[in-house]
Amino acid sequence: MKIGVYIDGYNLYYGRLRNSAYKWLDLVSLMEAILRRRDQSEQLACVHLFTAHALATFATHGAASVEAQSAYLRALQARHPDRFRITYGKHSFDKDGSLLPEFVQGQPYDRARRTRVWHLEEKKTDVNLAIAMYRDAAQGRYDRIILVSNDSDAEPALQALREDFPHIGIGVVVPIPPPIPGKTPGRRVSGSLSNLADWVIRHLTDEELQAAQLPSQVPTRKKAIPKPAHW
């Protein structure tokens, strides 16, 4: 069984990796480990990551964040040249600020009371991911498809796959941490995605992420790529 994996990079980062020690994550190794546990004679053919270039202006560490993302993506490509693909969207923002309704505690919504804010949006990622899954299914590239996301915006794409290619299995990996007993119930898993899947992995543990880290120095044909210092 040939498996294609489609990762919403924005959802993975903000859902599971941000503020963690596991950003230097080998996505291919992680998915291979998940498939091994399933023990379904599944072979990982390719991991497709959908993301956008970081913008220094809005990044926590400025230019260092941009350099870290670039190093990370180059490291993945160097380590898995035949089984890792990146599709880029872009970030969009209004240079003059977006005029949005202001939230005032204890007061009702007032459309006339507005304030200008920096409103950063990632564009094309959802569409790129949906089109890639559908086109690959139409071309018969994979026997099963795995979506790594908890974003319900992917529901129409999964629904189309389910209706048009019922022979293709669908899995969903939800990139959120597990609940902590007695402390937090954890984030909710998207029902619109899980209802369309043949199987669902409802969280990613620290142990899983730690076991799938890239080496601190990733060899290339030229200079090795080091793990960013602030990661």
C-alpha atoms as a PDB file:
ATOM      1  CA  MET A   1       0.000   0.000   0.000  1.00  0.00           C
ATOM      2  CA  LYS A   2       1.583   3.268  -1.155  1.00  0.00           C
ATOM      3  CA  ILE A   3       0.920   6.134   1.238  1.00  0.00           C
ATOM      4  CA  GLY A   4       0.904   9.869   0.508  1.00  0.00           C
ATOM      5  CA  VAL A   5       0.985  12.270   3.464  1.00  0.00           C
ATOM      6  CA  TYR A   6      -0.256  15.863   3.258  1.00  0.00           C
ATOM      7  CA  ILE A   7       0.739  18.215   6.084  1.00  0.00           C
ATOM      8  CA  ASP A   8      -0.778  21.613   6.812  1.00  0.00           C
ATOM      9  CA  GLY A   9       2.424  23.236   8.070  1.00  0.00           C
ATOM     10  CA  TYR A  10       0.659  26.184   9.704  1.00  0.00           C
ATOM     11  CA  ASN A  11      -1.690  23.880  11.610  1.00  0.00           C
ATOM     12  CA  LEU A  12       1.134  21.565  12.672  1.00  0.00           C
ATOM     13  CA  TYR A  13       3.289  24.427  13.924  1.00  0.00           C
ATOM     14  CA  TYR A  14       0.637  26.339  15.868  1.00  0.00           C
ATOM     15  CA  GLY A  15      -1.232  23.237  16.968  1.00  0.00           C
ATOM     16  CA  ARG A  16       1.705  21.221  18.286  1.00  0.00           C
ATOM     17  CA  LEU A  17       5.238  22.539  17.719  1.00  0.00           C
ATOM     18  CA  ARG A  18       5.144  26.184  18.742  1.00  0.00           C
ATOM     19  CA  ASN A  19       6.687  26.790  22.186  1.00  0.00           C
ATOM     20  CA  SER A  20       7.965  23.209  22.235  1.00  0.00           C
ATOM     21  CA  ALA A  21      11.437  21.659  22.031  1.00  0.00           C
ATOM     22  CA  TYR A  22      10.477  19.557  19.002  1.00  0.00           C
ATOM     23  CA  LYS A  23      10.559  21.978  16.068  1.00  0.00           C
ATOM     24  CA  TRP A  24      13.560  20.157  14.506  1.00  0.00           C
ATOM     25  CA  LEU A  25      11.123  17.412  13.544  1.00  0.00           C
ATOM     26  CA  ASP A  26      11.831  14.800  10.886  1.00  0.00           C
ATOM     27  CA  LEU A  27       8.392  14.607   9.296  1.00  0.00           C
ATOM     28  CA  VAL A  28       9.240  11.549   7.225  1.00  0.00           C
ATOM     29  CA  SER A  29      10.547   9.611  10.233  1.00  0.00           C
ATOM     30  CA  LEU A  30       7.498  10.592  12.278  1.00  0.00           C
ATOM     31  CA  MET A  31       5.100   9.296   9.635  1.00  0.00           C
ATOM     32  CA  GLU A  32       7.123   6.119   9.162  1.00  0.00           C
ATOM     33  CA  ALA A  33       6.849   5.445  12.897  1.00  0.00           C
ATOM     34  CA  ILE A  34       3.083   5.954  12.784  1.00  0.00           C
ATOM     35  CA  LEU A  35       2.766   3.534   9.868  1.00  0.00           C
ATOM     36  CA  ARG A  36       4.906   0.932  11.628  1.00  0.00           C
ATOM     37  CA  ARG A  37       2.593   1.027  14.637  1.00  0.00           C
ATOM     38  CA  ARG A  38      -0.403   0.519  12.378  1.00  0.00           C
ATOM     39  CA  ASP A  39       1.228  -2.607  10.911  1.00  0.00           C
ATOM     40  CA  GLN A  40      -0.898  -2.536   7.743  1.00  0.00           C
ATOM     41  CA  SER A  41       1.806  -3.258   5.132  1.00  0.00           C
ATOM     42  CA  GLU A  42       1.871   0.429   4.273  1.00  0.00           C
ATOM     43  CA  GLN A  43       4.836   2.033   2.505  1.00  0.00           C
ATOM     44  CA  LEU A  44       5.428   5.761   2.846  1.00  0.00           C
ATOM     45  CA  ALA A  45       5.874   7.077  -0.689  1.00  0.00           C
ATOM     46  CA  CYS A  46       6.038  10.838  -0.063  1.00  0.00           C
ATOM     47  CA  VAL A  47       5.392  13.533   2.530  1.00  0.00           C
ATOM     48  CA  HIS A  48       3.963  16.753   1.084  1.00  0.00           C
ATOM     49  CA  LEU A  49       4.331  19.850   3.265  1.00  0.00           C
ATOM     50  CA  PHE A  50       2.261  22.968   2.606  1.00  0.00           C
ATOM     51  CA  THR A  51       3.608  26.123   4.197  1.00  0.00           C
ATOM     52  CA  ALA A  52       4.652  29.726   3.599  1.00  0.00           C
ATOM     53  CA  HIS A  53       7.904  31.579   4.084  1.00  0.00           C
ATOM     54  CA  ALA A  54       8.181  33.224   7.505  1.00  0.00           C
ATOM     55  CA  LEU A  55       8.232  37.023   7.600  1.00  0.00           C
ATOM     56  CA  ALA A  56      10.889  38.595   9.819  1.00  0.00           C
ATOM     57  CA  THR A  57       8.650  41.551  10.663  1.00  0.00           C
ATOM     58  CA  PHE A  58       6.109  39.331  12.395  1.00  0.00           C
ATOM     59  CA  ALA A  59       8.375  36.531  13.656  1.00  0.00           C
ATOM     60  CA  THR A  60       9.304  36.208  17.325  1.00  0.00           C
ATOM     61  CA  HIS A  61      13.038  36.133  16.582  1.00  0.00           C
ATOM     62  CA  GLY A  62      12.967  38.341  13.486  1.00  0.00           C
ATOM     63  CA  ALA A  63      15.496  37.405  10.817  1.00  0.00           C
ATOM     64  CA  ALA A  64      16.680  34.477  12.944  1.00  0.00           C
ATOM     65  CA  SER A  65      13.223  32.895  12.614  1.00  0.00           C
ATOM     66  CA  VAL A  66      13.387  33.207   8.842  1.00  0.00           C
ATOM     67  CA  GLU A  67      16.846  31.624   8.794  1.00  0.00           C
ATOM     68  CA  ALA A  68      15.693  28.822  11.112  1.00  0.00           C
ATOM     69  CA  GLN A  69      12.740  27.938   8.904  1.00  0.00           C
ATOM     70  CA  SER A  70      14.932  27.956   5.810  1.00  0.00           C
ATOM     71  CA  ALA A  71      17.514  25.708   7.487  1.00  0.00           C
ATOM     72  CA  TYR A  72      14.820  23.313   8.644  1.00  0.00           C
ATOM     73  CA  LEU A  73      13.224  22.915   5.227  1.00  0.00           C
ATOM     74  CA  ARG A  74      16.597  22.509   3.531  1.00  0.00           C
ATOM     75  CA  ALA A  75      17.522  19.862   6.097  1.00  0.00           C
ATOM     76  CA  LEU A  76      14.370  17.873   5.345  1.00  0.00           C
ATOM     77  CA  GLN A  77      14.995  18.085   1.611  1.00  0.00           C
ATOM     78  CA  ALA A  78      18.605  17.009   2.031  1.00  0.00           C
ATOM     79  CA  ARG A  79      17.703  14.069   4.275  1.00  0.00           C
ATOM     80  CA  HIS A  80      14.772  12.843   2.170  1.00  0.00           C
ATOM     81  CA  PRO A  81      15.327  14.065  -1.404  1.00  0.00           C
ATOM     82  CA  ASP A  82      12.955  11.515  -2.948  1.00  0.00           C
ATOM     83  CA  ARG A  83      10.221  11.456  -0.341  1.00  0.00           C
ATOM     84  CA  PHE A  84       9.712  15.047   0.745  1.00  0.00           C
ATOM     85  CA  ARG A  85       8.070  17.851  -1.224  1.00  0.00           C
ATOM     86  CA  ILE A  86       7.240  21.453  -0.275  1.00  0.00           C
ATOM     87  CA  THR A  87       4.483  23.579  -1.762  1.00  0.00           C
ATOM     88  CA  TYR A  88       4.626  27.244  -0.785  1.00  0.00           C
ATOM     89  CA  GLY A  89       1.779  29.630  -0.235  1.00  0.00           C
ATOM     90  CA  LYS A  90       2.389  33.162   0.958  1.00  0.00           C
ATOM     91  CA  HIS A  91       1.625  35.545   3.790  1.00  0.00           C
ATOM     92  CA  SER A  92      -0.541  38.562   3.159  1.00  0.00           C
ATOM     93  CA  PHE A  93      -1.127  41.655   5.258  1.00  0.00           C
ATOM     94  CA  ASP A  94      -2.369  45.209   4.831  1.00  0.00           C
ATOM     95  CA  LYS A  95       0.544  47.618   5.210  1.00  0.00           C
ATOM     96  CA  ASP A  96      -1.842  50.267   6.542  1.00  0.00           C
ATOM     97  CA  GLY A  97      -3.441  47.840   8.986  1.00  0.00           C
ATOM     98  CA  SER A  98      -6.839  46.182   8.760  1.00  0.00           C
ATOM     99  CA  LEU A  99      -9.816  48.075  10.175  1.00  0.00           C
ATOM    100  CA  LEU A 100     -11.632  45.563  12.406  1.00  0.00           C
ATOM    101  CA  PRO A 101     -14.353  45.781  15.081  1.00  0.00           C
ATOM    102  CA  GLU A 102     -12.914  46.349  18.561  1.00  0.00           C
ATOM    103  CA  PHE A 103     -13.652  43.915  21.372  1.00  0.00           C
ATOM    104  CA  VAL A 104     -14.724  45.640  24.601  1.00  0.00           C
ATOM    105  CA  GLN A 105     -15.239  43.392  27.643  1.00  0.00           C
ATOM    106  CA  GLY A 106     -18.870  43.338  28.757  1.00  0.00           C
ATOM    107  CA  GLN A 107     -20.178  45.317  25.782  1.00  0.00           C
ATOM    108  CA  PRO A 108     -22.057  44.016  22.716  1.00  0.00           C
ATOM    109  CA  TYR A 109     -20.614  43.951  19.229  1.00  0.00           C
ATOM    110  CA  ASP A 110     -20.523  47.427  17.711  1.00  0.00           C
ATOM    111  CA  ARG A 111     -19.599  47.497  14.026  1.00  0.00           C
ATOM    112  CA  ALA A 112     -19.098  51.255  14.184  1.00  0.00           C
ATOM    113  CA  ARG A 113     -16.362  50.936  16.822  1.00  0.00           C
ATOM    114  CA  ARG A 114     -13.309  49.859  14.880  1.00  0.00           C
ATOM    115  CA  THR A 115      -9.549  49.871  15.292  1.00  0.00           C
ATOM    116  CA  ARG A 116      -6.610  49.216  12.976  1.00  0.00           C
ATOM    117  CA  VAL A 117      -4.611  46.041  13.613  1.00  0.00           C
ATOM    118  CA  TRP A 118      -1.897  44.024  11.945  1.00  0.00           C
ATOM    119  CA  HIS A 119      -3.808  41.157  10.343  1.00  0.00           C
ATOM    120  CA  LEU A 120      -1.476  38.486   8.959  1.00  0.00           C
ATOM    121  CA  GLU A 121      -2.963  35.715   6.825  1.00  0.00           C
ATOM    122  CA  GLU A 122      -1.438  32.674   5.180  1.00  0.00           C
ATOM    123  CA  LYS A 123      -2.771  32.435   1.652  1.00  0.00           C
ATOM    124  CA  LYS A 124      -3.149  29.474  -0.734  1.00  0.00           C
ATOM    125  CA  THR A 125      -2.100  26.747   1.725  1.00  0.00           C
ATOM    126  CA  ASP A 126      -5.597  25.256   2.099  1.00  0.00           C
ATOM    127  CA  VAL A 127      -6.250  25.392  -1.634  1.00  0.00           C
ATOM    128  CA  ASN A 128      -2.831  24.014  -2.560  1.00  0.00           C
ATOM    129  CA  LEU A 129      -3.270  21.111  -0.146  1.00  0.00           C
ATOM    130  CA  ALA A 130      -6.779  20.283  -1.348  1.00  0.00           C
ATOM    131  CA  ILE A 131      -5.828  20.397  -5.029  1.00  0.00           C
ATOM    132  CA  ALA A 132      -2.729  18.265  -4.454  1.00  0.00           C
ATOM    133  CA  MET A 133      -4.676  15.556  -2.627  1.00  0.00           C
ATOM    134  CA  TYR A 134      -7.366  15.457  -5.299  1.00  0.00           C
ATOM    135  CA  ARG A 135      -4.997  15.476  -8.274  1.00  0.00           C
ATOM    136  CA  ASP A 136      -2.812  12.749  -6.784  1.00  0.00           C
ATOM    137  CA  ALA A 137      -5.914  10.654  -6.132  1.00  0.00           C
ATOM    138  CA  ALA A 138      -7.110  11.197  -9.704  1.00  0.00           C
ATOM    139  CA  GLN A 139      -3.730  10.126 -11.045  1.00  0.00           C
ATOM    140  CA  GLY A 140      -3.689   7.016  -8.857  1.00  0.00           C
ATOM    141  CA  ARG A 141      -0.429   7.902  -7.128  1.00  0.00           C
ATOM    142  CA  TYR A 142      -1.359   6.489  -3.737  1.00  0.00           C
ATOM    143  CA  ASP A 143      -3.513   3.723  -2.307  1.00  0.00           C
ATOM    144  CA  ARG A 144      -4.089   5.640   0.919  1.00  0.00           C
ATOM    145  CA  ILE A 145      -3.898   9.301   1.865  1.00  0.00           C
ATOM    146  CA  ILE A 146      -3.080  10.754   5.288  1.00  0.00           C
ATOM    147  CA  LEU A 147      -3.944  14.333   6.210  1.00  0.00           C
ATOM    148  CA  VAL A 148      -2.032  15.948   9.084  1.00  0.00           C
ATOM    149  CA  SER A 149      -4.280  18.769  10.210  1.00  0.00           C
ATOM    150  CA  ASN A 150      -7.058  19.729  12.592  1.00  0.00           C
ATOM    151  CA  ASP A 151      -8.428  22.445  10.314  1.00  0.00           C
ATOM    152  CA  SER A 152     -12.028  21.840   9.295  1.00  0.00           C
ATOM    153  CA  ASP A 153     -11.380  23.827   6.093  1.00  0.00           C
ATOM    154  CA  ALA A 154     -10.059  20.553   4.657  1.00  0.00           C
ATOM    155  CA  GLU A 155     -13.483  18.921   5.012  1.00  0.00           C
ATOM    156  CA  PRO A 156     -14.649  19.614   1.402  1.00  0.00           C
ATOM    157  CA  ALA A 157     -11.465  18.047   0.018  1.00  0.00           C
ATOM    158  CA  LEU A 158     -11.880  14.898   2.105  1.00  0.00           C
ATOM    159  CA  GLN A 159     -15.560  14.733   1.179  1.00  0.00           C
ATOM    160  CA  ALA A 160     -14.672  14.910  -2.519  1.00  0.00           C
ATOM    161  CA  LEU A 161     -12.059  12.178  -2.108  1.00  0.00           C
ATOM    162  CA  ARG A 162     -14.536   9.981  -0.266  1.00  0.00           C
ATOM    163  CA  GLU A 163     -17.187  10.399  -2.967  1.00  0.00           C
ATOM    164  CA  ASP A 164     -15.016  10.268  -6.100  1.00  0.00           C
ATOM    165  CA  PHE A 165     -12.356   7.762  -5.004  1.00  0.00           C
ATOM    166  CA  PRO A 166     -14.001   5.428  -2.468  1.00  0.00           C
ATOM    167  CA  HIS A 167     -11.237   2.848  -2.967  1.00  0.00           C
ATOM    168  CA  ILE A 168      -8.626   5.219  -1.471  1.00  0.00           C
ATOM    169  CA  GLY A 169      -8.254   4.955   2.296  1.00  0.00           C
ATOM    170  CA  ILE A 170      -8.144   8.175   4.313  1.00  0.00           C
ATOM    171  CA  GLY A 171      -6.335   8.716   7.608  1.00  0.00           C
ATOM    172  CA  VAL A 172      -6.154  11.857   9.745  1.00  0.00           C
ATOM    173  CA  VAL A 173      -3.355  12.710  12.175  1.00  0.00           C
ATOM    174  CA  VAL A 174      -4.371  15.527  14.513  1.00  0.00           C
ATOM    175  CA  PRO A 175      -1.356  17.702  15.471  1.00  0.00           C
ATOM    176  CA  ILE A 176      -2.309  18.586  19.022  1.00  0.00           C
ATOM    177  CA  PRO A 177      -0.866  17.507  22.401  1.00  0.00           C
ATOM    178  CA  PRO A 178      -2.606  14.811  24.433  1.00  0.00           C
ATOM    179  CA  PRO A 179      -4.830  15.850  27.345  1.00  0.00           C
ATOM    180  CA  ILE A 180      -3.235  15.995  30.781  1.00  0.00           C
ATOM    181  CA  PRO A 181      -5.264  13.984  33.301  1.00  0.00           C
ATOM    182  CA  GLY A 182      -6.568  16.183  36.094  1.00  0.00           C
ATOM    183  CA  LYS A 183      -5.249  19.367  34.466  1.00  0.00           C
ATOM    184  CA  THR A 184      -6.603  19.971  30.972  1.00  0.00           C
ATOM    185  CA  PRO A 185      -9.042  18.135  28.709  1.00  0.00           C
ATOM    186  CA  GLY A 186      -6.952  19.063  25.684  1.00  0.00           C
ATOM    187  CA  ARG A 187      -8.020  20.657  22.430  1.00  0.00           C
ATOM    188  CA  ARG A 188     -11.007  19.365  20.512  1.00  0.00           C
ATOM    189  CA  VAL A 189     -10.476  17.112  17.500  1.00  0.00           C
ATOM    190  CA  SER A 190     -12.257  18.323  14.358  1.00  0.00           C
ATOM    191  CA  GLY A 191     -15.337  16.151  13.984  1.00  0.00           C
ATOM    192  CA  SER A 192     -15.805  17.189  10.353  1.00  0.00           C
ATOM    193  CA  LEU A 193     -12.435  15.623   9.502  1.00  0.00           C
ATOM    194  CA  SER A 194     -12.576  12.566  11.741  1.00  0.00           C
ATOM    195  CA  ASN A 195     -16.054  11.657  10.447  1.00  0.00           C
ATOM    196  CA  LEU A 196     -14.645  11.345   6.918  1.00  0.00           C
ATOM    197  CA  ALA A 197     -11.578   9.301   7.897  1.00  0.00           C
ATOM    198  CA  ASP A 198     -11.110   5.548   8.087  1.00  0.00           C
ATOM    199  CA  TRP A 199      -8.868   6.062  11.111  1.00  0.00           C
ATOM    200  CA  VAL A 200      -7.720   8.950  13.282  1.00  0.00           C
ATOM    201  CA  ILE A 201      -4.703   9.579  15.503  1.00  0.00           C
ATOM    202  CA  ARG A 202      -6.038  12.136  17.961  1.00  0.00           C
ATOM    203  CA  HIS A 203      -2.789  13.632  19.277  1.00  0.00           C
ATOM    204  CA  LEU A 204       0.993  13.542  19.012  1.00  0.00           C
ATOM    205  CA  THR A 205       2.893  12.854  22.214  1.00  0.00           C
ATOM    206  CA  ASP A 206       6.183  14.384  23.342  1.00  0.00           C
ATOM    207  CA  GLU A 207       7.737  10.920  23.153  1.00  0.00           C
ATOM    208  CA  GLU A 208       6.717  10.507  19.500  1.00  0.00           C
ATOM    209  CA  LEU A 209       8.100  13.905  18.563  1.00  0.00           C
ATOM    210  CA  GLN A 210      11.342  13.394  20.493  1.00  0.00           C
ATOM    211  CA  ALA A 211      11.951  10.047  18.786  1.00  0.00           C
ATOM    212  CA  ALA A 212      11.598  11.657  15.358  1.00  0.00           C
ATOM    213  CA  GLN A 213      14.028  14.571  15.737  1.00  0.00           C
ATOM    214  CA  LEU A 214      16.584  15.303  13.029  1.00  0.00           C
ATOM    215  CA  PRO A 215      20.277  14.975  13.980  1.00  0.00           C
ATOM    216  CA  SER A 216      21.800  18.179  15.304  1.00  0.00           C
ATOM    217  CA  GLN A 217      23.875  18.388  12.110  1.00  0.00           C
ATOM    218  CA  VAL A 218      22.175  17.270   8.886  1.00  0.00           C
ATOM    219  CA  PRO A 219      24.776  16.294   6.243  1.00  0.00           C
ATOM    220  CA  THR A 220      24.497  17.677   2.709  1.00  0.00           C
ATOM    221  CA  ARG A 221      26.724  17.464  -0.349  1.00  0.00           C
ATOM    222  CA  LYS A 222      28.336  20.680   0.843  1.00  0.00           C
ATOM    223  CA  LYS A 223      28.135  22.159   4.327  1.00  0.00           C
ATOM    224  CA  ALA A 224      26.116  20.416   7.046  1.00  0.00           C
ATOM    225  CA  ILE A 225      22.943  22.157   8.232  1.00  0.00           C
ATOM    226  CA  PRO A 226      22.945  22.732  12.014  1.00  0.00           C
ATOM    227  CA  LYS A 227      19.875  22.851  14.221  1.00  0.00           C
ATOM    228  CA  PRO A 228      19.027  26.532  14.899  1.00  0.00           C
ATOM    229  CA  ALA A 229      20.387  27.688  18.241  1.00  0.00           C
ATOM    230  CA  HIS A 230      17.066  29.076  19.542  1.00  0.00           C
ATOM    231  CA  TRP A 231      15.218  25.848  18.673  1.00  0.00           C
END
